[in-house]
C-alpha atoms as a PDB file:
ATOM      1  CA  MET A   1     -24.795 -18.413  -6.421  1.00  0.00           C
ATOM      2  CA  SER A   2     -24.179 -15.966  -3.463  1.00  0.00           C
ATOM      3  CA  PRO A   3     -21.851 -13.088  -3.782  1.00  0.00           C
ATOM      4  CA  PHE A   4     -19.270 -14.225  -1.389  1.00  0.00           C
ATOM      5  CA  LEU A   5     -18.718 -17.551  -3.111  1.00  0.00           C
ATOM      6  CA  ALA A   6     -18.856 -15.818  -6.434  1.00  0.00           C
ATOM      7  CA  ILE A   7     -15.929 -13.983  -5.309  1.00  0.00           C
ATOM      8  CA  ALA A   8     -13.989 -16.643  -3.634  1.00  0.00           C
ATOM      9  CA  LYS A   9     -14.291 -18.792  -6.819  1.00  0.00           C
ATOM     10  CA  ARG A  10     -13.250 -15.897  -8.873  1.00  0.00           C
ATOM     11  CA  GLU A  11     -10.091 -15.283  -6.820  1.00  0.00           C
ATOM     12  CA  LEU A  12      -9.470 -18.873  -6.363  1.00  0.00           C
ATOM     13  CA  GLY A  13      -9.643 -19.117 -10.280  1.00  0.00           C
ATOM     14  CA  SER A  14      -7.395 -16.227 -11.126  1.00  0.00           C
ATOM     15  CA  TYR A  15      -4.299 -18.185  -9.128  1.00  0.00           C
ATOM     16  CA  PHE A  16      -4.191 -20.810 -11.495  1.00  0.00           C
ATOM     17  CA  ALA A  17      -4.355 -18.463 -14.601  1.00  0.00           C
ATOM     18  CA  THR A  18      -0.844 -17.435 -13.939  1.00  0.00           C
ATOM     19  CA  PRO A  19       2.208 -20.018 -13.462  1.00  0.00           C
ATOM     20  CA  ILE A  20       2.490 -18.444  -9.753  1.00  0.00           C
ATOM     21  CA  ALA A  21       0.170 -20.941  -8.278  1.00  0.00           C
ATOM     22  CA  TYR A  22       1.952 -23.587  -9.919  1.00  0.00           C
ATOM     23  CA  ILE A  23       5.201 -22.488  -8.788  1.00  0.00           C
ATOM     24  CA  PHE A  24       4.184 -21.693  -5.072  1.00  0.00           C
ATOM     25  CA  ILE A  25       2.968 -25.635  -4.856  1.00  0.00           C
ATOM     26  CA  VAL A  26       6.273 -26.809  -6.299  1.00  0.00           C
ATOM     27  CA  VAL A  27       8.011 -24.523  -3.845  1.00  0.00           C
ATOM     28  CA  TYR A  28       5.706 -25.768  -0.902  1.00  0.00           C
ATOM     29  CA  LEU A  29       6.320 -29.561  -1.730  1.00  0.00           C
ATOM     30  CA  PHE A  30       9.844 -29.420  -2.547  1.00  0.00           C
ATOM     31  CA  LEU A  31      10.500 -27.755   0.779  1.00  0.00           C
ATOM     32  CA  SER A  32       8.030 -29.753   2.799  1.00  0.00           C
ATOM     33  CA  GLY A  33       9.859 -32.765   1.442  1.00  0.00           C
ATOM     34  CA  LEU A  34      13.773 -31.286   1.791  1.00  0.00           C
ATOM     35  CA  PHE A  35      13.092 -30.306   5.332  1.00  0.00           C
ATOM     36  CA  THR A  36      11.197 -33.439   6.481  1.00  0.00           C
ATOM     37  CA  PHE A  37      13.817 -36.271   4.893  1.00  0.00           C
ATOM     38  CA  TYR A  38      17.047 -34.161   5.270  1.00  0.00           C
ATOM     39  CA  LEU A  39      16.675 -31.647   8.087  1.00  0.00           C
ATOM     40  CA  GLY A  40      14.061 -33.451   9.919  1.00  0.00           C
ATOM     41  CA  GLY A  41      15.810 -36.536   9.978  1.00  0.00           C
ATOM     42  CA  PHE A  42      12.632 -38.618   9.104  1.00  0.00           C
ATOM     43  CA  PHE A  43      14.444 -42.123   8.227  1.00  0.00           C
ATOM     44  CA  GLU A  44      16.930 -41.541  11.064  1.00  0.00           C
ATOM     45  CA  ARG A  45      14.340 -41.176  13.826  1.00  0.00           C
ATOM     46  CA  GLU A  46      12.822 -44.635  13.191  1.00  0.00           C
ATOM     47  CA  GLN A  47       9.446 -43.604  14.380  1.00  0.00           C
ATOM     48  CA  ALA A  48       6.176 -43.810  12.756  1.00  0.00           C
ATOM     49  CA  ASP A  49       4.779 -40.384  12.918  1.00  0.00           C
ATOM     50  CA  LEU A  50       4.974 -37.186  11.093  1.00  0.00           C
ATOM     51  CA  SER A  51       6.516 -34.957  13.668  1.00  0.00           C
ATOM     52  CA  ALA A  52       9.569 -34.118  11.451  1.00  0.00           C
ATOM     53  CA  PHE A  53       7.116 -33.046   8.573  1.00  0.00           C
ATOM     54  CA  PHE A  54       5.006 -30.625  10.444  1.00  0.00           C
ATOM     55  CA  GLY A  55       7.625 -29.440  12.771  1.00  0.00           C
ATOM     56  CA  PHE A  56       8.872 -27.005   9.814  1.00  0.00           C
ATOM     57  CA  HIS A  57       5.309 -25.609   9.304  1.00  0.00           C
ATOM     58  CA  PRO A  58       5.485 -22.355  10.776  1.00  0.00           C
ATOM     59  CA  TRP A  59       8.378 -21.579   9.106  1.00  0.00           C
ATOM     60  CA  LEU A  60       7.559 -22.700   5.505  1.00  0.00           C
ATOM     61  CA  TYR A  61       4.312 -20.571   6.320  1.00  0.00           C
ATOM     62  CA  LEU A  62       6.334 -17.357   7.253  1.00  0.00           C
ATOM     63  CA  LEU A  63       7.967 -17.088   3.991  1.00  0.00           C
ATOM     64  CA  LEU A  64       5.278 -18.610   1.635  1.00  0.00           C
ATOM     65  CA  VAL A  65       2.033 -17.507   3.047  1.00  0.00           C
ATOM     66  CA  PRO A  66       2.637 -13.860   2.866  1.00  0.00           C
ATOM     67  CA  ALA A  67       3.652 -14.470  -0.610  1.00  0.00           C
ATOM     68  CA  VAL A  68       0.192 -15.394  -1.160  1.00  0.00           C
ATOM     69  CA  SER A  69      -1.543 -12.966   1.037  1.00  0.00           C
ATOM     70  CA  MET A  70       0.596  -9.958   0.005  1.00  0.00           C
ATOM     71  CA  ARG A  71      -1.790  -9.549  -3.584  1.00  0.00           C
ATOM     72  CA  LEU A  72      -5.010  -9.724  -1.719  1.00  0.00           C
ATOM     73  CA  TRP A  73      -5.764  -6.357  -1.613  1.00  0.00           C
ATOM     74  CA  ALA A  74      -2.599  -4.545  -2.798  1.00  0.00           C
ATOM     75  CA  GLU A  75      -2.923  -5.305  -6.400  1.00  0.00           C
ATOM     76  CA  GLU A  76      -6.294  -4.391  -6.544  1.00  0.00           C
ATOM     77  CA  ARG A  77      -5.754  -0.894  -5.283  1.00  0.00           C
ATOM     78  CA  LYS A  78      -2.580  -0.240  -7.071  1.00  0.00           C
ATOM     79  CA  SER A  79      -4.558  -1.014 -10.243  1.00  0.00           C
ATOM     80  CA  GLY A  80      -7.701   0.614  -9.026  1.00  0.00           C
ATOM     81  CA  SER A  81      -9.856  -2.403  -9.960  1.00  0.00           C
ATOM     82  CA  ILE A  82     -10.985  -1.915  -5.747  1.00  0.00           C
ATOM     83  CA  GLU A  83     -13.055   0.854  -7.109  1.00  0.00           C
ATOM     84  CA  LEU A  84     -14.814  -1.247  -9.179  1.00  0.00           C
ATOM     85  CA  LEU A  85     -14.940  -4.111  -6.922  1.00  0.00           C
ATOM     86  CA  MET A  86     -16.759  -2.042  -4.607  1.00  0.00           C
ATOM     87  CA  THR A  87     -19.422  -1.014  -6.729  1.00  0.00           C
ATOM     88  CA  LEU A  88     -20.739  -4.497  -7.141  1.00  0.00           C
ATOM     89  CA  PRO A  89     -23.573  -5.853  -5.364  1.00  0.00           C
ATOM     90  CA  VAL A  90     -21.432  -6.889  -2.643  1.00  0.00           C
ATOM     91  CA  THR A  91     -20.628  -5.817   1.201  1.00  0.00           C
ATOM     92  CA  LEU A  92     -17.507  -5.206   2.262  1.00  0.00           C
ATOM     93  CA  TRP A  93     -17.450  -8.459   4.428  1.00  0.00           C
ATOM     94  CA  GLN A  94     -18.333 -10.459   1.591  1.00  0.00           C
ATOM     95  CA  ALA A  95     -15.686  -9.089  -0.171  1.00  0.00           C
ATOM     96  CA  VAL A  96     -13.201  -9.629   2.343  1.00  0.00           C
ATOM     97  CA  LEU A  97     -14.165 -13.118   3.134  1.00  0.00           C
ATOM     98  CA  GLY A  98     -14.476 -14.307  -0.360  1.00  0.00           C
ATOM     99  CA  LYS A  99     -10.749 -13.448  -1.106  1.00  0.00           C
ATOM    100  CA  PHE A 100      -9.608 -14.970   2.062  1.00  0.00           C
ATOM    101  CA  LEU A 101     -11.476 -18.035   1.469  1.00  0.00           C
ATOM    102  CA  ALA A 102     -10.138 -18.238  -1.957  1.00  0.00           C
ATOM    103  CA  ALA A 103      -6.493 -17.878  -0.536  1.00  0.00           C
ATOM    104  CA  TRP A 104      -6.871 -20.301   2.287  1.00  0.00           C
ATOM    105  CA  LEU A 105      -8.095 -22.984   0.042  1.00  0.00           C
ATOM    106  CA  PHE A 106      -5.440 -22.537  -2.213  1.00  0.00           C
ATOM    107  CA  VAL A 107      -3.056 -22.628   0.655  1.00  0.00           C
ATOM    108  CA  GLY A 108      -5.332 -25.742   1.551  1.00  0.00           C
ATOM    109  CA  LEU A 109      -4.733 -27.350  -1.620  1.00  0.00           C
ATOM    110  CA  ALA A 110      -0.889 -26.979  -1.222  1.00  0.00           C
ATOM    111  CA  LEU A 111      -1.215 -29.036   2.026  1.00  0.00           C
ATOM    112  CA  SER A 112      -3.271 -31.414   0.651  1.00  0.00           C
ATOM    113  CA  LEU A 113      -0.795 -32.602  -1.994  1.00  0.00           C
ATOM    114  CA  THR A 114       1.594 -33.678   0.929  1.00  0.00           C
ATOM    115  CA  PHE A 115      -0.760 -36.731   1.323  1.00  0.00           C
ATOM    116  CA  PRO A 116       2.093 -39.186   0.279  1.00  0.00           C
ATOM    117  CA  MET A 117       3.795 -38.208   3.312  1.00  0.00           C
ATOM    118  CA  TRP A 118       1.023 -39.548   4.956  1.00  0.00           C
ATOM    119  CA  ILE A 119       1.012 -42.760   3.101  1.00  0.00           C
ATOM    120  CA  THR A 120       4.480 -43.021   3.285  1.00  0.00           C
ATOM    121  CA  VAL A 121       4.460 -43.074   7.203  1.00  0.00           C
ATOM    122  CA  ASN A 122       1.805 -45.706   7.417  1.00  0.00           C
ATOM    123  CA  TYR A 123       3.528 -47.895   4.901  1.00  0.00           C
ATOM    124  CA  LEU A 124       6.344 -47.785   7.164  1.00  0.00           C
ATOM    125  CA  GLY A 125       4.871 -48.378  10.466  1.00  0.00           C
ATOM    126  CA  SER A 126       1.614 -47.976  12.509  1.00  0.00           C
ATOM    127  CA  PRO A 127       1.248 -44.288  12.949  1.00  0.00           C
ATOM    128  CA  ASP A 128      -1.377 -42.536  15.219  1.00  0.00           C
ATOM    129  CA  ASN A 129      -3.931 -41.432  12.562  1.00  0.00           C
ATOM    130  CA  GLY A 130      -6.058 -39.226  14.591  1.00  0.00           C
ATOM    131  CA  ALA A 131      -2.873 -37.694  15.784  1.00  0.00           C
ATOM    132  CA  ILE A 132      -2.026 -36.805  12.242  1.00  0.00           C
ATOM    133  CA  ILE A 133      -5.415 -35.436  11.005  1.00  0.00           C
ATOM    134  CA  THR A 134      -5.332 -32.762  14.202  1.00  0.00           C
ATOM    135  CA  ALA A 135      -1.733 -32.010  13.198  1.00  0.00           C
ATOM    136  CA  TYR A 136      -3.046 -31.432   9.632  1.00  0.00           C
ATOM    137  CA  LEU A 137      -5.844 -29.180  10.698  1.00  0.00           C
ATOM    138  CA  ALA A 138      -3.557 -27.178  13.033  1.00  0.00           C
ATOM    139  CA  SER A 139      -1.572 -26.706  10.171  1.00  0.00           C
ATOM    140  CA  PHE A 140      -4.700 -25.274   8.105  1.00  0.00           C
ATOM    141  CA  LEU A 141      -5.743 -23.035  11.168  1.00  0.00           C
ATOM    142  CA  MET A 142      -2.248 -21.769  11.358  1.00  0.00           C
ATOM    143  CA  ALA A 143      -2.204 -20.778   7.783  1.00  0.00           C
ATOM    144  CA  GLY A 144      -5.279 -19.085   8.098  1.00  0.00           C
ATOM    145  CA  ALA A 145      -3.954 -16.926  10.819  1.00  0.00           C
ATOM    146  CA  PHE A 146      -1.222 -16.114   8.822  1.00  0.00           C
ATOM    147  CA  LEU A 147      -3.247 -15.049   5.585  1.00  0.00           C
ATOM    148  CA  ALA A 148      -5.829 -13.161   7.597  1.00  0.00           C
ATOM    149  CA  ILE A 149      -3.067 -10.971   9.130  1.00  0.00           C
ATOM    150  CA  GLY A 150      -1.315 -10.552   5.790  1.00  0.00           C
ATOM    151  CA  SER A 151      -4.893  -9.853   4.222  1.00  0.00           C
ATOM    152  CA  PHE A 152      -5.000  -6.647   6.608  1.00  0.00           C
ATOM    153  CA  VAL A 153      -1.354  -5.714   5.724  1.00  0.00           C
ATOM    154  CA  SER A 154      -2.118  -6.123   1.858  1.00  0.00           C
ATOM    155  CA  ALA A 155      -5.209  -3.869   2.546  1.00  0.00           C
ATOM    156  CA  ALA A 156      -3.258  -1.435   4.134  1.00  0.00           C
ATOM    157  CA  ASN A 157      -0.402  -0.936   1.467  1.00  0.00           C
ATOM    158  CA  ARG A 158      -0.375  -0.481  -2.326  1.00  0.00           C
ATOM    159  CA  ASN A 159       3.126  -1.843  -2.481  1.00  0.00           C
ATOM    160  CA  GLN A 160       3.114  -5.608  -2.573  1.00  0.00           C
ATOM    161  CA  VAL A 161       6.592  -6.157  -1.391  1.00  0.00           C
ATOM    162  CA  VAL A 162       6.214  -3.599   1.549  1.00  0.00           C
ATOM    163  CA  ALA A 163       2.907  -5.732   2.371  1.00  0.00           C
ATOM    164  CA  PHE A 164       5.116  -9.200   2.166  1.00  0.00           C
ATOM    165  CA  ILE A 165       8.108  -7.901   4.380  1.00  0.00           C
ATOM    166  CA  ILE A 166       5.461  -6.245   6.971  1.00  0.00           C
ATOM    167  CA  THR A 167       3.511  -9.990   6.984  1.00  0.00           C
ATOM    168  CA  ILE A 168       6.469 -11.570   7.739  1.00  0.00           C
ATOM    169  CA  ALA A 169       7.434  -9.234  10.577  1.00  0.00           C
ATOM    170  CA  LEU A 170       4.074  -9.543  12.404  1.00  0.00           C
ATOM    171  CA  CYS A 171       3.888 -13.219  11.714  1.00  0.00           C
ATOM    172  CA  PHE A 172       7.373 -13.730  13.161  1.00  0.00           C
ATOM    173  CA  MET A 173       6.662 -11.638  16.165  1.00  0.00           C
ATOM    174  CA  LEU A 174       3.523 -13.643  17.142  1.00  0.00           C
ATOM    175  CA  MET A 175       5.225 -16.966  16.679  1.00  0.00           C
ATOM    176  CA  LEU A 176       8.072 -15.988  19.215  1.00  0.00           C
ATOM    177  CA  ALA A 177       5.893 -14.670  21.529  1.00  0.00           C
ATOM    178  CA  GLY A 178       6.153 -17.620  23.818  1.00  0.00           C
ATOM    179  CA  PHE A 179       9.715 -18.141  23.594  1.00  0.00           C
ATOM    180  CA  PRO A 180      11.605 -18.142  26.949  1.00  0.00           C
ATOM    181  CA  LEU A 181      13.816 -15.559  25.470  1.00  0.00           C
ATOM    182  CA  VAL A 182      10.832 -13.109  24.879  1.00  0.00           C
ATOM    183  CA  LEU A 183       8.923 -13.733  27.718  1.00  0.00           C
ATOM    184  CA  ASP A 184      12.432 -13.421  30.161  1.00  0.00           C
ATOM    185  CA  LEU A 185      12.350  -9.766  28.426  1.00  0.00           C
ATOM    186  CA  PHE A 186       9.300  -8.859  29.230  1.00  0.00           C
ATOM    187  CA  SER A 187       9.342 -10.126  32.521  1.00  0.00           C
ATOM    188  CA  ILE A 188      11.766  -7.718  33.651  1.00  0.00           C
ATOM    189  CA  TRP A 189       9.607  -4.682  33.624  1.00  0.00           C
ATOM    190  CA  LEU A 190       5.843  -6.468  33.185  1.00  0.00           C
ATOM    191  CA  PRO A 191       3.899  -8.077  35.493  1.00  0.00           C
ATOM    192  CA  ALA A 192       3.517 -11.928  35.300  1.00  0.00           C
ATOM    193  CA  SER A 193      -0.361 -11.684  34.466  1.00  0.00           C
ATOM    194  CA  VAL A 194       0.799  -9.325  31.349  1.00  0.00           C
ATOM    195  CA  THR A 195       3.978 -11.879  30.471  1.00  0.00           C
ATOM    196  CA  ASN A 196       1.126 -14.808  30.509  1.00  0.00           C
ATOM    197  CA  SER A 197      -1.074 -13.014  27.774  1.00  0.00           C
ATOM    198  CA  ILE A 198       1.919 -12.299  25.514  1.00  0.00           C
ATOM    199  CA  ALA A 199       2.728 -16.021  25.779  1.00  0.00           C
ATOM    200  CA  ASN A 200      -0.671 -16.946  24.972  1.00  0.00           C
ATOM    201  CA  LEU A 201      -0.259 -15.109  22.105  1.00  0.00           C
ATOM    202  CA  SER A 202       2.371 -17.508  20.609  1.00  0.00           C
ATOM    203  CA  PHE A 203       1.434 -19.072  17.296  1.00  0.00           C
ATOM    204  CA  LEU A 204       3.806 -21.732  18.055  1.00  0.00           C
ATOM    205  CA  THR A 205       2.810 -22.908  21.274  1.00  0.00           C
ATOM    206  CA  HIS A 206      -1.020 -23.382  20.164  1.00  0.00           C
ATOM    207  CA  PHE A 207       0.549 -25.047  16.927  1.00  0.00           C
ATOM    208  CA  GLN A 208       2.121 -27.366  18.523  1.00  0.00           C
ATOM    209  CA  ASN A 209      -0.362 -28.296  21.205  1.00  0.00           C
ATOM    210  CA  LEU A 210      -2.330 -29.456  18.292  1.00  0.00           C
ATOM    211  CA  SER A 211       0.397 -30.920  16.145  1.00  0.00           C
ATOM    212  CA  LYS A 212       1.215 -33.197  18.859  1.00  0.00           C
ATOM    213  CA  GLY A 213      -2.662 -34.710  18.562  1.00  0.00           C
ATOM    214  CA  VAL A 214      -4.245 -32.877  21.459  1.00  0.00           C
ATOM    215  CA  LEU A 215      -7.176 -31.584  20.349  1.00  0.00           C
ATOM    216  CA  GLU A 216      -8.220 -28.634  22.581  1.00  0.00           C
ATOM    217  CA  LEU A 217     -10.832 -26.333  21.983  1.00  0.00           C
ATOM    218  CA  ALA A 218      -8.615 -23.373  23.075  1.00  0.00           C
ATOM    219  CA  ASP A 219      -6.226 -23.839  20.767  1.00  0.00           C
ATOM    220  CA  ILE A 220      -8.700 -23.975  17.937  1.00  0.00           C
ATOM    221  CA  ALA A 221     -10.449 -21.302  19.265  1.00  0.00           C
ATOM    222  CA  PHE A 222      -7.350 -19.118  19.199  1.00  0.00           C
ATOM    223  CA  PHE A 223      -6.663 -19.691  15.410  1.00  0.00           C
ATOM    224  CA  LEU A 224     -10.365 -18.884  14.968  1.00  0.00           C
ATOM    225  CA  LEU A 225     -10.110 -15.624  16.891  1.00  0.00           C
ATOM    226  CA  VAL A 226      -7.085 -14.319  15.533  1.00  0.00           C
ATOM    227  CA  ILE A 227      -8.574 -15.137  11.996  1.00  0.00           C
ATOM    228  CA  GLY A 228     -11.795 -13.236  12.654  1.00  0.00           C
ATOM    229  CA  THR A 229      -9.901 -10.124  14.373  1.00  0.00           C
ATOM    230  CA  TRP A 230      -7.437  -9.580  11.731  1.00  0.00           C
ATOM    231  CA  LEU A 231     -10.222 -10.057   8.770  1.00  0.00           C
ATOM    232  CA  TYR A 232     -12.265  -7.556  10.576  1.00  0.00           C
ATOM    233  CA  ALA A 233      -9.548  -5.322  11.025  1.00  0.00           C
ATOM    234  CA  THR A 234      -9.276  -5.691   7.149  1.00  0.00           C
ATOM    235  CA  THR A 235     -12.794  -4.469   6.348  1.00  0.00           C
ATOM    236  CA  VAL A 236     -12.153  -1.370   8.658  1.00  0.00           C
ATOM    237  CA  ILE A 237      -8.927  -0.183   6.867  1.00  0.00           C
ATOM    238  CA  LEU A 238     -10.731  -1.051   3.405  1.00  0.00           C
ATOM    239  CA  ASP A 239     -13.688   1.518   4.518  1.00  0.00           C
ATOM    240  CA  LEU A 240     -10.948   4.033   5.953  1.00  0.00           C
ATOM    241  CA  LYS A 241      -9.139   3.814   2.648  1.00  0.00           C
ATOM    242  CA  LYS A 242     -12.300   4.072   0.732  1.00  0.00           C
ATOM    243  CA  ALA A 243     -13.305   7.333   2.172  1.00  0.00           C
ATOM    244  CA  GLU A 244      -9.774   8.582   0.925  1.00  0.00           C
END
């Protein structure tokens, strides 16, 4: 087994070695159902789709995903185990990718456990299952983007609580980048080209495009680019911290 996969397997197993993983999954599934059926008015809408379900995912991830990412590196640095990890025959990239993949698969597992929603909507009507698959892909990609940002913040901090708060703040700003209120504020003192660039950074804009069933490569590429950029930044900050 490659070092990259060995780290991912070890990390994924560590999530289930404590009650944290089970608590996260239960809370995630409970809030998903609560938002979908009560706040989202799933039955009142009388439409065979899962828009009420996916519409709340950005806000769920904003609170729950940083709770997963905050421990990726902060705990390693605080306990000193990061020095042991760095002495293993693995590159920094392999360590970063392995830990990120484990966290992404863990969140993906929680997302996959919402399949009863899919079964329910198919039982009640005839939904566009292609659009639902695309929405699941959008949700998974957005979770990965949140985790990549959280990985960087966790690598830069020894304190998990601080990493948690900073990750929420950064993700919140990136989510709101495409809101008219934000764009109107920037348009006052920035040219239209810069304002449009800020709008293109909005997680919500790209997520909503995909969650509607519109499979655009530009939206997929956006999330993959965000993931790659922040994971690269994680390797840079870890390399700098290693020299301290």
